[in-house]
């Protein structure tokens, strides 16, 4: 089938317009692929779970009989090592889990610094 000469500019324009809309939509329009949306949703859910568990971490720290010594050890540790110290205290280990959570330990540090007396 031959395409009439007068129709070719319209076809080229439609193809270029579709490509332009796709590029602009994914670059600046906020569109994303299913994989990107899944990654975004997973990261957001993990952040919300950590935020919900921070009060549990703080309560565990409040009821720890060695709290004063543990807080002193956290304060003495370098900024890069504080998370490891909190993980060693067991405060970032939630009941029923196998080990401490690094992200929870970091969030708990922020709460402890505000809460520490």
PDB file of N, CA and C in Angstrom:
ATOM      1  N   UNK A   1       0.839  -1.166   0.000  1.00  0.00           N
ATOM      2  CA  UNK A   1       0.000   0.000   0.000  1.00  0.00           C
ATOM      3  C   UNK A   1       0.893   1.240   0.000  1.00  0.00           C
ATOM      4  N   UNK A   2       0.570   2.153  -0.814  1.00  0.00           N
ATOM      5  CA  UNK A   2       1.321   3.404  -0.870  1.00  0.00           C
ATOM      6  C   UNK A   2       0.589   4.460  -0.074  1.00  0.00           C
ATOM      7  N   UNK A   3       1.386   5.226   0.643  1.00  0.00           N
ATOM      8  CA  UNK A   3       0.833   6.300   1.450  1.00  0.00           C
ATOM      9  C   UNK A   3       0.844   7.565   0.611  1.00  0.00           C
ATOM     10  N   UNK A   4      -0.267   8.276   0.594  1.00  0.00           N
ATOM     11  CA  UNK A   4      -0.277   9.515  -0.178  1.00  0.00           C
ATOM     12  C   UNK A   4       0.758  10.504   0.377  1.00  0.00           C
ATOM     13  N   UNK A   5       1.339  11.263  -0.488  1.00  0.00           N
ATOM     14  CA  UNK A   5       2.381  12.231  -0.127  1.00  0.00           C
ATOM     15  C   UNK A   5       1.878  13.240   0.899  1.00  0.00           C
ATOM     16  N   UNK A   6       0.659  13.646   0.836  1.00  0.00           N
ATOM     17  CA  UNK A   6       0.137  14.647   1.756  1.00  0.00           C
ATOM     18  C   UNK A   6      -0.049  14.108   3.175  1.00  0.00           C
ATOM     19  N   UNK A   7      -0.056  12.749   3.345  1.00  0.00           N
ATOM     20  CA  UNK A   7      -0.263  12.131   4.647  1.00  0.00           C
ATOM     21  C   UNK A   7       1.046  11.909   5.421  1.00  0.00           C
ATOM     22  N   UNK A   8       2.160  11.848   4.709  1.00  0.00           N
ATOM     23  CA  UNK A   8       3.451  11.562   5.336  1.00  0.00           C
ATOM     24  C   UNK A   8       3.841  12.575   6.417  1.00  0.00           C
ATOM     25  N   UNK A   9       3.695  13.873   6.232  1.00  0.00           N
ATOM     26  CA  UNK A   9       4.042  14.803   7.315  1.00  0.00           C
ATOM     27  C   UNK A   9       3.203  14.582   8.581  1.00  0.00           C
ATOM     28  N   UNK A  10       1.956  14.212   8.408  1.00  0.00           N
ATOM     29  CA  UNK A  10       1.100  13.939   9.567  1.00  0.00           C
ATOM     30  C   UNK A  10       1.555  12.698  10.327  1.00  0.00           C
ATOM     31  N   UNK A  11       1.938  11.670   9.592  1.00  0.00           N
ATOM     32  CA  UNK A  11       2.417  10.441  10.230  1.00  0.00           C
ATOM     33  C   UNK A  11       3.725  10.718  10.979  1.00  0.00           C
ATOM     34  N   UNK A  12       4.656  11.405  10.320  1.00  0.00           N
ATOM     35  CA  UNK A  12       5.937  11.743  10.971  1.00  0.00           C
ATOM     36  C   UNK A  12       5.701  12.619  12.204  1.00  0.00           C
ATOM     37  N   UNK A  13       4.801  13.544  12.091  1.00  0.00           N
ATOM     38  CA  UNK A  13       4.489  14.410  13.229  1.00  0.00           C
ATOM     39  C   UNK A  13       3.887  13.623  14.389  1.00  0.00           C
ATOM     40  N   UNK A  14       3.013  12.685  14.088  1.00  0.00           N
ATOM     41  CA  UNK A  14       2.404  11.864  15.141  1.00  0.00           C
ATOM     42  C   UNK A  14       3.455  11.004  15.833  1.00  0.00           C
ATOM     43  N   UNK A  15       4.359  10.405  15.061  1.00  0.00           N
ATOM     44  CA  UNK A  15       5.421   9.580  15.646  1.00  0.00           C
ATOM     45  C   UNK A  15       6.364  10.419  16.509  1.00  0.00           C
ATOM     46  N   UNK A  16       6.777  11.567  15.994  1.00  0.00           N
ATOM     47  CA  UNK A  16       7.656  12.440  16.775  1.00  0.00           C
ATOM     48  C   UNK A  16       6.936  12.980  18.012  1.00  0.00           C
ATOM     49  N   UNK A  17       5.670  13.318  17.879  1.00  0.00           N
ATOM     50  CA  UNK A  17       4.895  13.805  19.022  1.00  0.00           C
ATOM     51  C   UNK A  17       4.751  12.735  20.094  1.00  0.00           C
ATOM     52  N   UNK A  18       4.510  11.479  19.693  1.00  0.00           N
ATOM     53  CA  UNK A  18       4.392  10.382  20.659  1.00  0.00           C
ATOM     54  C   UNK A  18       5.717  10.168  21.387  1.00  0.00           C
ATOM     55  N   UNK A  19       6.824  10.215  20.654  1.00  0.00           N
ATOM     56  CA  UNK A  19       8.135  10.061  21.279  1.00  0.00           C
ATOM     57  C   UNK A  19       8.399  11.211  22.248  1.00  0.00           C
ATOM     58  N   UNK A  20       8.057  12.421  21.838  1.00  0.00           N
ATOM     59  CA  UNK A  20       8.267  13.590  22.694  1.00  0.00           C
ATOM     60  C   UNK A  20       7.436  13.491  23.968  1.00  0.00           C
ATOM     61  N   UNK A  21       6.171  13.108  23.837  1.00  0.00           N
ATOM     62  CA  UNK A  21       5.297  12.985  25.004  1.00  0.00           C
ATOM     63  C   UNK A  21       5.827  11.905  25.951  1.00  0.00           C
ATOM     64  N   UNK A  22       6.316  10.793  25.407  1.00  0.00           N
ATOM     65  CA  UNK A  22       6.877   9.731  26.238  1.00  0.00           C
ATOM     66  C   UNK A  22       8.116  10.195  26.994  1.00  0.00           C
ATOM     67  N   UNK A  23       9.002  10.882  26.305  1.00  0.00           N
ATOM     68  CA  UNK A  23      10.233  11.370  26.941  1.00  0.00           C
ATOM     69  C   UNK A  23       9.902  12.393  28.025  1.00  0.00           C
ATOM     70  N   UNK A  24       9.061  13.343  27.710  1.00  0.00           N
ATOM     71  CA  UNK A  24       8.697  14.370  28.689  1.00  0.00           C
ATOM     72  C   UNK A  24       7.933  13.744  29.859  1.00  0.00           C
ATOM     73  N   UNK A  25       7.048  12.818  29.591  1.00  0.00           N
ATOM     74  CA  UNK A  25       6.260  12.189  30.652  1.00  0.00           C
ATOM     75  C   UNK A  25       7.125  11.433  31.646  1.00  0.00           C
ATOM     76  N   UNK A  26       8.096  10.657  31.143  1.00  0.00           N
ATOM     77  CA  UNK A  26       8.945   9.884  32.037  1.00  0.00           C
ATOM     78  C   UNK A  26      10.029  10.740  32.685  1.00  0.00           C
ATOM     79  N   UNK A  27      10.461  11.807  32.010  1.00  0.00           N
ATOM     80  CA  UNK A  27      11.518  12.648  32.572  1.00  0.00           C
ATOM     81  C   UNK A  27      10.978  13.639  33.594  1.00  0.00           C
ATOM     82  N   UNK A  28       9.952  14.387  33.221  1.00  0.00           N
ATOM     83  CA  UNK A  28       9.461  15.470  34.070  1.00  0.00           C
ATOM     84  C   UNK A  28       8.022  15.295  34.533  1.00  0.00           C
ATOM     85  N   UNK A  29       7.308  14.397  33.903  1.00  0.00           N
ATOM     86  CA  UNK A  29       5.883  14.277  34.189  1.00  0.00           C
ATOM     87  C   UNK A  29       5.537  13.386  35.364  1.00  0.00           C
ATOM     88  N   UNK A  30       6.526  12.701  35.932  1.00  0.00           N
ATOM     89  CA  UNK A  30       6.251  11.847  37.068  1.00  0.00           C
ATOM     90  C   UNK A  30       5.797  10.440  36.702  1.00  0.00           C
ATOM     91  N   UNK A  31       5.810  10.104  35.421  1.00  0.00           N
ATOM     92  CA  UNK A  31       5.443   8.757  35.032  1.00  0.00           C
ATOM     93  C   UNK A  31       6.546   7.818  35.468  1.00  0.00           C
ATOM     94  N   UNK A  32       6.208   6.575  35.734  1.00  0.00           N
ATOM     95  CA  UNK A  32       7.227   5.582  36.051  1.00  0.00           C
ATOM     96  C   UNK A  32       6.760   4.212  35.600  1.00  0.00           C
ATOM     97  N   UNK A  33       7.735   3.335  35.471  1.00  0.00           N
ATOM     98  CA  UNK A  33       7.418   1.971  35.077  1.00  0.00           C
ATOM     99  C   UNK A  33       6.901   1.203  36.279  1.00  0.00           C
ATOM    100  N   UNK A  34       6.396   0.030  36.041  1.00  0.00           N
ATOM    101  CA  UNK A  34       5.895  -0.799  37.141  1.00  0.00           C
ATOM    102  C   UNK A  34       7.028  -1.145  38.104  1.00  0.00           C
ATOM    103  N   UNK A  35       8.190  -1.461  37.578  1.00  0.00           N
ATOM    104  CA  UNK A  35       9.337  -1.779  38.430  1.00  0.00           C
ATOM    105  C   UNK A  35       9.745  -0.602  39.289  1.00  0.00           C
ATOM    106  N   UNK A  36       9.753   0.589  38.705  1.00  0.00           N
ATOM    107  CA  UNK A  36      10.085   1.793  39.458  1.00  0.00           C
ATOM    108  C   UNK A  36       9.066   2.076  40.539  1.00  0.00           C
ATOM    109  N   UNK A  37       7.804   1.848  40.223  1.00  0.00           N
ATOM    110  CA  UNK A  37       6.742   2.063  41.209  1.00  0.00           C
ATOM    111  C   UNK A  37       6.854   1.053  42.347  1.00  0.00           C
ATOM    112  N   UNK A  38       7.197  -0.198  42.017  1.00  0.00           N
ATOM    113  CA  UNK A  38       7.375  -1.219  43.056  1.00  0.00           C
ATOM    114  C   UNK A  38       8.536  -0.859  43.979  1.00  0.00           C
ATOM    115  N   UNK A  39       9.652  -0.412  43.405  1.00  0.00           N
ATOM    116  CA  UNK A  39      10.802  -0.009  44.221  1.00  0.00           C
ATOM    117  C   UNK A  39      10.441   1.167  45.127  1.00  0.00           C
ATOM    118  N   UNK A  40       9.736   2.134  44.572  1.00  0.00           N
ATOM    119  CA  UNK A  40       9.321   3.306  45.338  1.00  0.00           C
ATOM    120  C   UNK A  40       8.407   2.909  46.490  1.00  0.00           C
ATOM    121  N   UNK A  41       7.442   2.035  46.207  1.00  0.00           N
ATOM    122  CA  UNK A  41       6.491   1.598  47.230  1.00  0.00           C
ATOM    123  C   UNK A  41       7.190   0.784  48.313  1.00  0.00           C
ATOM    124  N   UNK A  42       8.133  -0.064  47.931  1.00  0.00           N
ATOM    125  CA  UNK A  42       8.869  -0.869  48.906  1.00  0.00           C
ATOM    126  C   UNK A  42       9.690   0.019  49.826  1.00  0.00           C
ATOM    127  N   UNK A  43      10.396   0.986  49.259  1.00  0.00           N
ATOM    128  CA  UNK A  43      11.213   1.896  50.068  1.00  0.00           C
ATOM    129  C   UNK A  43      10.330   2.711  51.011  1.00  0.00           C
ATOM    130  N   UNK A  44       9.196   3.162  50.525  1.00  0.00           N
ATOM    131  CA  UNK A  44       8.292   3.945  51.352  1.00  0.00           C
ATOM    132  C   UNK A  44       7.729   3.096  52.494  1.00  0.00           C
ATOM    133  N   UNK A  45       7.378   1.853  52.206  1.00  0.00           N
ATOM    134  CA  UNK A  45       6.848   0.965  53.240  1.00  0.00           C
ATOM    135  C   UNK A  45       7.905   0.671  54.298  1.00  0.00           C
ATOM    136  N   UNK A  46       9.147   0.446  53.872  1.00  0.00           N
ATOM    137  CA  UNK A  46      10.219   0.187  54.829  1.00  0.00           C
ATOM    138  C   UNK A  46      10.441   1.399  55.735  1.00  0.00           C
ATOM    139  N   UNK A  47      10.410   2.584  55.167  1.00  0.00           N
ATOM    140  CA  UNK A  47      10.570   3.798  55.970  1.00  0.00           C
ATOM    141  C   UNK A  47       9.456   3.935  57.001  1.00  0.00           C
ATOM    142  N   UNK A  48       8.237   3.629  56.610  1.00  0.00           N
ATOM    143  CA  UNK A  48       7.102   3.735  57.520  1.00  0.00           C
ATOM    144  C   UNK A  48       7.183   2.694  58.635  1.00  0.00           C
ATOM    145  N   UNK A  49       7.636   1.485  58.307  1.00  0.00           N
ATOM    146  CA  UNK A  49       7.783   0.445  59.331  1.00  0.00           C
ATOM    147  C   UNK A  49       8.848   0.852  60.340  1.00  0.00           C
ATOM    148  N   UNK A  50       9.970   1.375  59.858  1.00  0.00           N
ATOM    149  CA  UNK A  50      11.040   1.840  60.755  1.00  0.00           C
ATOM    150  C   UNK A  50      10.502   2.946  61.666  1.00  0.00           C
ATOM    151  N   UNK A  51       9.780   3.888  61.082  1.00  0.00           N
ATOM    152  CA  UNK A  51       9.219   4.983  61.883  1.00  0.00           C
ATOM    153  C   UNK A  51       8.251   4.455  62.949  1.00  0.00           C
ATOM    154  N   UNK A  52       7.509   3.414  62.615  1.00  0.00           N
ATOM    155  CA  UNK A  52       6.565   2.849  63.576  1.00  0.00           C
ATOM    156  C   UNK A  52       7.280   2.073  64.683  1.00  0.00           C
ATOM    157  N   UNK A  53       8.476   1.554  64.400  1.00  0.00           N
ATOM    158  CA  UNK A  53       9.207   0.760  65.394  1.00  0.00           C
ATOM    159  C   UNK A  53      10.117   1.586  66.294  1.00  0.00           C
ATOM    160  N   UNK A  54      10.363   2.834  65.956  1.00  0.00           N
ATOM    161  CA  UNK A  54      11.240   3.673  66.788  1.00  0.00           C
ATOM    162  C   UNK A  54      10.718   3.770  68.226  1.00  0.00           C
ATOM    163  N   UNK A  55       9.426   3.974  68.477  1.00  0.00           N
ATOM    164  CA  UNK A  55       8.958   4.007  69.870  1.00  0.00           C
ATOM    165  C   UNK A  55       9.236   2.702  70.628  1.00  0.00           C
ATOM    166  N   UNK A  56       9.198   1.577  69.918  1.00  0.00           N
ATOM    167  CA  UNK A  56       9.507   0.296  70.562  1.00  0.00           C
ATOM    168  C   UNK A  56      10.976   0.275  70.976  1.00  0.00           C
ATOM    169  N   UNK A  57      11.850   0.720  70.089  1.00  0.00           N
ATOM    170  CA  UNK A  57      13.281   0.791  70.393  1.00  0.00           C
ATOM    171  C   UNK A  57      13.530   1.707  71.590  1.00  0.00           C
ATOM    172  N   UNK A  58      12.887   2.847  71.603  1.00  0.00           N
ATOM    173  CA  UNK A  58      13.062   3.783  72.715  1.00  0.00           C
ATOM    174  C   UNK A  58      12.538   3.210  74.023  1.00  0.00           C
ATOM    175  N   UNK A  59      11.444   2.472  73.968  1.00  0.00           N
ATOM    176  CA  UNK A  59      10.908   1.844  75.180  1.00  0.00           C
ATOM    177  C   UNK A  59      11.841   0.751  75.677  1.00  0.00           C
ATOM    178  N   UNK A  60      12.404  -0.021  74.776  1.00  0.00           N
ATOM    179  CA  UNK A  60      13.377  -1.047  75.181  1.00  0.00           C
ATOM    180  C   UNK A  60      14.570  -0.382  75.855  1.00  0.00           C
ATOM    181  N   UNK A  61      14.997   0.755  75.302  1.00  0.00           N
ATOM    182  CA  UNK A  61      16.140   1.450  75.911  1.00  0.00           C
ATOM    183  C   UNK A  61      15.780   2.000  77.290  1.00  0.00           C
ATOM    184  N   UNK A  62      14.549   2.474  77.467  1.00  0.00           N
ATOM    185  CA  UNK A  62      14.136   3.029  78.758  1.00  0.00           C
ATOM    186  C   UNK A  62      14.082   1.963  79.852  1.00  0.00           C
ATOM    187  N   UNK A  63      13.729   0.731  79.464  1.00  0.00           N
ATOM    188  CA  UNK A  63      13.595  -0.341  80.456  1.00  0.00           C
ATOM    189  C   UNK A  63      14.881  -1.133  80.646  1.00  0.00           C
ATOM    190  N   UNK A  64      15.926  -0.810  79.908  1.00  0.00           N
ATOM    191  CA  UNK A  64      17.202  -1.511  80.036  1.00  0.00           C
ATOM    192  C   UNK A  64      17.865  -1.110  81.357  1.00  0.00           C
ATOM    193  N   UNK A  65      18.223  -2.092  82.198  1.00  0.00           N
ATOM    194  CA  UNK A  65      18.865  -1.755  83.469  1.00  0.00           C
ATOM    195  C   UNK A  65      20.249  -1.125  83.289  1.00  0.00           C
ATOM    196  N   UNK A  66      20.885  -1.342  82.162  1.00  0.00           N
ATOM    197  CA  UNK A  66      22.209  -0.767  81.881  1.00  0.00           C
ATOM    198  C   UNK A  66      22.111   0.485  81.018  1.00  0.00           C
ATOM    199  N   UNK A  67      20.973   1.133  81.040  1.00  0.00           N
ATOM    200  CA  UNK A  67      20.723   2.281  80.160  1.00  0.00           C
ATOM    201  C   UNK A  67      21.788   3.370  80.283  1.00  0.00           C
ATOM    202  N   UNK A  68      22.152   3.736  81.479  1.00  0.00           N
ATOM    203  CA  UNK A  68      23.102   4.840  81.671  1.00  0.00           C
ATOM    204  C   UNK A  68      24.441   4.497  81.025  1.00  0.00           C
ATOM    205  N   UNK A  69      24.920   3.282  81.261  1.00  0.00           N
ATOM    206  CA  UNK A  69      26.202   2.863  80.673  1.00  0.00           C
ATOM    207  C   UNK A  69      26.097   2.771  79.151  1.00  0.00           C
ATOM    208  N   UNK A  70      24.966   2.280  78.659  1.00  0.00           N
ATOM    209  CA  UNK A  70      24.784   2.140  77.208  1.00  0.00           C
ATOM    210  C   UNK A  70      24.733   3.508  76.532  1.00  0.00           C
ATOM    211  N   UNK A  71      24.028   4.456  77.149  1.00  0.00           N
ATOM    212  CA  UNK A  71      23.948   5.813  76.595  1.00  0.00           C
ATOM    213  C   UNK A  71      25.333   6.441  76.584  1.00  0.00           C
ATOM    214  N   UNK A  72      26.085   6.217  77.645  1.00  0.00           N
ATOM    215  CA  UNK A  72      27.449   6.758  77.699  1.00  0.00           C
ATOM    216  C   UNK A  72      28.309   6.156  76.594  1.00  0.00           C
ATOM    217  N   UNK A  73      28.161   4.859  76.351  1.00  0.00           N
ATOM    218  CA  UNK A  73      28.928   4.206  75.287  1.00  0.00           C
ATOM    219  C   UNK A  73      28.535   4.744  73.919  1.00  0.00           C
ATOM    220  N   UNK A  74      27.258   5.007  73.734  1.00  0.00           N
ATOM    221  CA  UNK A  74      26.798   5.561  72.454  1.00  0.00           C
ATOM    222  C   UNK A  74      27.366   6.962  72.261  1.00  0.00           C
ATOM    223  N   UNK A  75      27.343   7.770  73.314  1.00  0.00           N
ATOM    224  CA  UNK A  75      27.872   9.138  73.212  1.00  0.00           C
ATOM    225  C   UNK A  75      29.375   9.145  72.968  1.00  0.00           C
ATOM    226  N   UNK A  76      30.103   8.197  73.555  1.00  0.00           N
ATOM    227  CA  UNK A  76      31.552   8.138  73.387  1.00  0.00           C
ATOM    228  C   UNK A  76      31.962   7.638  72.005  1.00  0.00           C
ATOM    229  N   UNK A  77      31.112   6.846  71.381  1.00  0.00           N
ATOM    230  CA  UNK A  77      31.436   6.296  70.065  1.00  0.00           C
ATOM    231  C   UNK A  77      31.443   7.402  69.022  1.00  0.00           C
ATOM    232  N   UNK A  78      32.255   7.200  67.991  1.00  0.00           N
ATOM    233  CA  UNK A  78      32.263   8.164  66.895  1.00  0.00           C
ATOM    234  C   UNK A  78      30.909   8.110  66.185  1.00  0.00           C
ATOM    235  N   UNK A  79      30.614   9.147  65.467  1.00  0.00           N
ATOM    236  CA  UNK A  79      29.315   9.223  64.787  1.00  0.00           C
ATOM    237  C   UNK A  79      29.095   8.025  63.875  1.00  0.00           C
ATOM    238  N   UNK A  80      30.145   7.579  63.208  1.00  0.00           N
ATOM    239  CA  UNK A  80      29.997   6.450  62.285  1.00  0.00           C
ATOM    240  C   UNK A  80      29.828   5.121  63.012  1.00  0.00           C
ATOM    241  N   UNK A  81      30.201   5.045  64.281  1.00  0.00           N
ATOM    242  CA  UNK A  81      30.113   3.791  65.030  1.00  0.00           C
ATOM    243  C   UNK A  81      28.892   3.710  65.943  1.00  0.00           C
ATOM    244  N   UNK A  82      28.171   4.795  66.093  1.00  0.00           N
ATOM    245  CA  UNK A  82      27.032   4.800  67.019  1.00  0.00           C
ATOM    246  C   UNK A  82      25.979   3.766  66.653  1.00  0.00           C
ATOM    247  N   UNK A  83      25.737   3.610  65.373  1.00  0.00           N
ATOM    248  CA  UNK A  83      24.722   2.635  64.951  1.00  0.00           C
ATOM    249  C   UNK A  83      25.132   1.227  65.390  1.00  0.00           C
ATOM    250  N   UNK A  84      26.407   0.900  65.239  1.00  0.00           N
ATOM    251  CA  UNK A  84      26.878  -0.421  65.656  1.00  0.00           C
ATOM    252  C   UNK A  84      26.738  -0.611  67.169  1.00  0.00           C
ATOM    253  N   UNK A  85      27.001   0.443  67.939  1.00  0.00           N
ATOM    254  CA  UNK A  85      26.869   0.352  69.400  1.00  0.00           C
ATOM    255  C   UNK A  85      25.410   0.106  69.776  1.00  0.00           C
ATOM    256  N   UNK A  86      24.488   0.811  69.135  1.00  0.00           N
ATOM    257  CA  UNK A  86      23.058   0.606  69.419  1.00  0.00           C
ATOM    258  C   UNK A  86      22.654  -0.815  69.033  1.00  0.00           C
ATOM    259  N   UNK A  87      23.180  -1.315  67.939  1.00  0.00           N
ATOM    260  CA  UNK A  87      22.864  -2.679  67.526  1.00  0.00           C
ATOM    261  C   UNK A  87      23.395  -3.688  68.547  1.00  0.00           C
ATOM    262  N   UNK A  88      24.568  -3.423  69.121  1.00  0.00           N
ATOM    263  CA  UNK A  88      25.138  -4.320  70.129  1.00  0.00           C
ATOM    264  C   UNK A  88      24.338  -4.308  71.429  1.00  0.00           C
ATOM    265  N   UNK A  89      23.694  -3.191  71.740  1.00  0.00           N
ATOM    266  CA  UNK A  89      22.896  -3.125  72.976  1.00  0.00           C
ATOM    267  C   UNK A  89      21.666  -4.014  72.900  1.00  0.00           C
ATOM    268  N   UNK A  90      21.221  -4.303  71.677  1.00  0.00           N
ATOM    269  CA  UNK A  90      20.009  -5.108  71.496  1.00  0.00           C
ATOM    270  C   UNK A  90      18.755  -4.277  71.386  1.00  0.00           C
ATOM    271  N   UNK A  91      18.886  -2.980  71.482  1.00  0.00           N
ATOM    272  CA  UNK A  91      17.708  -2.113  71.424  1.00  0.00           C
ATOM    273  C   UNK A  91      17.075  -2.105  70.035  1.00  0.00           C
ATOM    274  N   UNK A  92      17.859  -2.366  68.995  1.00  0.00           N
ATOM    275  CA  UNK A  92      17.337  -2.345  67.628  1.00  0.00           C
ATOM    276  C   UNK A  92      16.912  -3.733  67.154  1.00  0.00           C
ATOM    277  N   UNK A  93      16.865  -4.688  68.076  1.00  0.00           N
ATOM    278  CA  UNK A  93      16.399  -6.029  67.750  1.00  0.00           C
ATOM    279  C   UNK A  93      14.964  -6.153  68.230  1.00  0.00           C
ATOM    280  N   UNK A  94      14.062  -6.285  67.308  1.00  0.00           N
ATOM    281  CA  UNK A  94      12.649  -6.354  67.648  1.00  0.00           C
ATOM    282  C   UNK A  94      12.284  -7.767  68.104  1.00  0.00           C
ATOM    283  N   UNK A  95      11.350  -7.868  69.027  1.00  0.00           N
ATOM    284  CA  UNK A  95      10.910  -9.193  69.482  1.00  0.00           C
ATOM    285  C   UNK A  95      10.452 -10.038  68.295  1.00  0.00           C
ATOM    286  N   UNK A  96      10.971 -11.253  68.233  1.00  0.00           N
ATOM    287  CA  UNK A  96      10.623 -12.161  67.155  1.00  0.00           C
ATOM    288  C   UNK A  96      11.567 -12.101  65.967  1.00  0.00           C
ATOM    289  N   UNK A  97      12.498 -11.154  65.941  1.00  0.00           N
ATOM    290  CA  UNK A  97      13.437 -11.081  64.825  1.00  0.00           C
ATOM    291  C   UNK A  97      14.760 -11.744  65.219  1.00  0.00           C
ATOM    292  N   UNK A  98      15.531 -12.097  64.209  1.00  0.00           N
ATOM    293  CA  UNK A  98      16.782 -12.812  64.436  1.00  0.00           C
ATOM    294  C   UNK A  98      17.928 -11.905  64.851  1.00  0.00           C
ATOM    295  N   UNK A  99      17.921 -10.680  64.374  1.00  0.00           N
ATOM    296  CA  UNK A  99      19.026  -9.782  64.681  1.00  0.00           C
ATOM    297  C   UNK A  99      18.593  -8.338  64.608  1.00  0.00           C
ATOM    298  N   UNK A 100      19.522  -7.440  64.910  1.00  0.00           N
ATOM    299  CA  UNK A 100      19.190  -6.018  64.895  1.00  0.00           C
ATOM    300  C   UNK A 100      18.999  -5.483  63.475  1.00  0.00           C
ATOM    301  N   UNK A 101      18.245  -4.418  63.376  1.00  0.00           N
ATOM    302  CA  UNK A 101      17.987  -3.759  62.103  1.00  0.00           C
ATOM    303  C   UNK A 101      18.805  -2.475  62.056  1.00  0.00           C
ATOM    304  N   UNK A 102      19.652  -2.339  61.021  1.00  0.00           N
ATOM    305  CA  UNK A 102      20.540  -1.182  60.910  1.00  0.00           C
ATOM    306  C   UNK A 102      19.770   0.124  60.778  1.00  0.00           C
ATOM    307  N   UNK A 103      18.734   0.117  59.968  1.00  0.00           N
ATOM    308  CA  UNK A 103      17.952   1.339  59.774  1.00  0.00           C
ATOM    309  C   UNK A 103      17.225   1.739  61.050  1.00  0.00           C
ATOM    310  N   UNK A 104      16.717   0.751  61.767  1.00  0.00           N
ATOM    311  CA  UNK A 104      16.049   1.038  63.038  1.00  0.00           C
ATOM    312  C   UNK A 104      17.055   1.574  64.056  1.00  0.00           C
ATOM    313  N   UNK A 105      18.264   1.022  64.061  1.00  0.00           N
ATOM    314  CA  UNK A 105      19.295   1.509  64.989  1.00  0.00           C
ATOM    315  C   UNK A 105      19.595   2.976  64.714  1.00  0.00           C
ATOM    316  N   UNK A 106      19.698   3.349  63.442  1.00  0.00           N
ATOM    317  CA  UNK A 106      19.981   4.745  63.088  1.00  0.00           C
ATOM    318  C   UNK A 106      18.836   5.654  63.519  1.00  0.00           C
ATOM    319  N   UNK A 107      17.614   5.225  63.278  1.00  0.00           N
ATOM    320  CA  UNK A 107      16.453   6.028  63.670  1.00  0.00           C
ATOM    321  C   UNK A 107      16.348   6.113  65.194  1.00  0.00           C
ATOM    322  N   UNK A 108      16.703   5.053  65.875  1.00  0.00           N
ATOM    323  CA  UNK A 108      16.648   5.042  67.336  1.00  0.00           C
ATOM    324  C   UNK A 108      17.684   6.010  67.919  1.00  0.00           C
ATOM    325  N   UNK A 109      18.837   6.112  67.282  1.00  0.00           N
ATOM    326  CA  UNK A 109      19.864   7.047  67.743  1.00  0.00           C
ATOM    327  C   UNK A 109      19.304   8.463  67.737  1.00  0.00           C
ATOM    328  N   UNK A 110      18.625   8.821  66.682  1.00  0.00           N
ATOM    329  CA  UNK A 110      18.057  10.152  66.584  1.00  0.00           C
ATOM    330  C   UNK A 110      17.049  10.395  67.703  1.00  0.00           C
ATOM    331  N   UNK A 111      16.256   9.387  68.029  1.00  0.00           N
ATOM    332  CA  UNK A 111      15.302   9.518  69.121  1.00  0.00           C
ATOM    333  C   UNK A 111      15.992   9.560  70.474  1.00  0.00           C
ATOM    334  N   UNK A 112      17.062   8.804  70.622  1.00  0.00           N
ATOM    335  CA  UNK A 112      17.788   8.791  71.890  1.00  0.00           C
ATOM    336  C   UNK A 112      18.477  10.124  72.155  1.00  0.00           C
ATOM    337  N   UNK A 113      19.008  10.736  71.114  1.00  0.00           N
ATOM    338  CA  UNK A 113      19.690  12.018  71.309  1.00  0.00           C
ATOM    339  C   UNK A 113      18.693  13.091  71.755  1.00  0.00           C
ATOM    340  N   UNK A 114      17.492  13.020  71.278  1.00  0.00           N
ATOM    341  CA  UNK A 114      16.471  13.969  71.722  1.00  0.00           C
ATOM    342  C   UNK A 114      15.972  13.608  73.110  1.00  0.00           C
ATOM    343  N   UNK A 115      15.950  12.312  73.396  1.00  0.00           N
ATOM    344  CA  UNK A 115      15.375  11.803  74.634  1.00  0.00           C
ATOM    345  C   UNK A 115      16.400  11.716  75.753  1.00  0.00           C
ATOM    346  N   UNK A 116      17.683  11.583  75.409  1.00  0.00           N
ATOM    347  CA  UNK A 116      18.721  11.333  76.423  1.00  0.00           C
ATOM    348  C   UNK A 116      18.835  12.505  77.388  1.00  0.00           C
ATOM    349  N   UNK A 117      19.020  12.152  78.630  1.00  0.00           N
ATOM    350  CA  UNK A 117      19.167  13.208  79.635  1.00  0.00           C
ATOM    351  C   UNK A 117      20.545  13.180  80.239  1.00  0.00           C
TER     352      UNK A 117
END
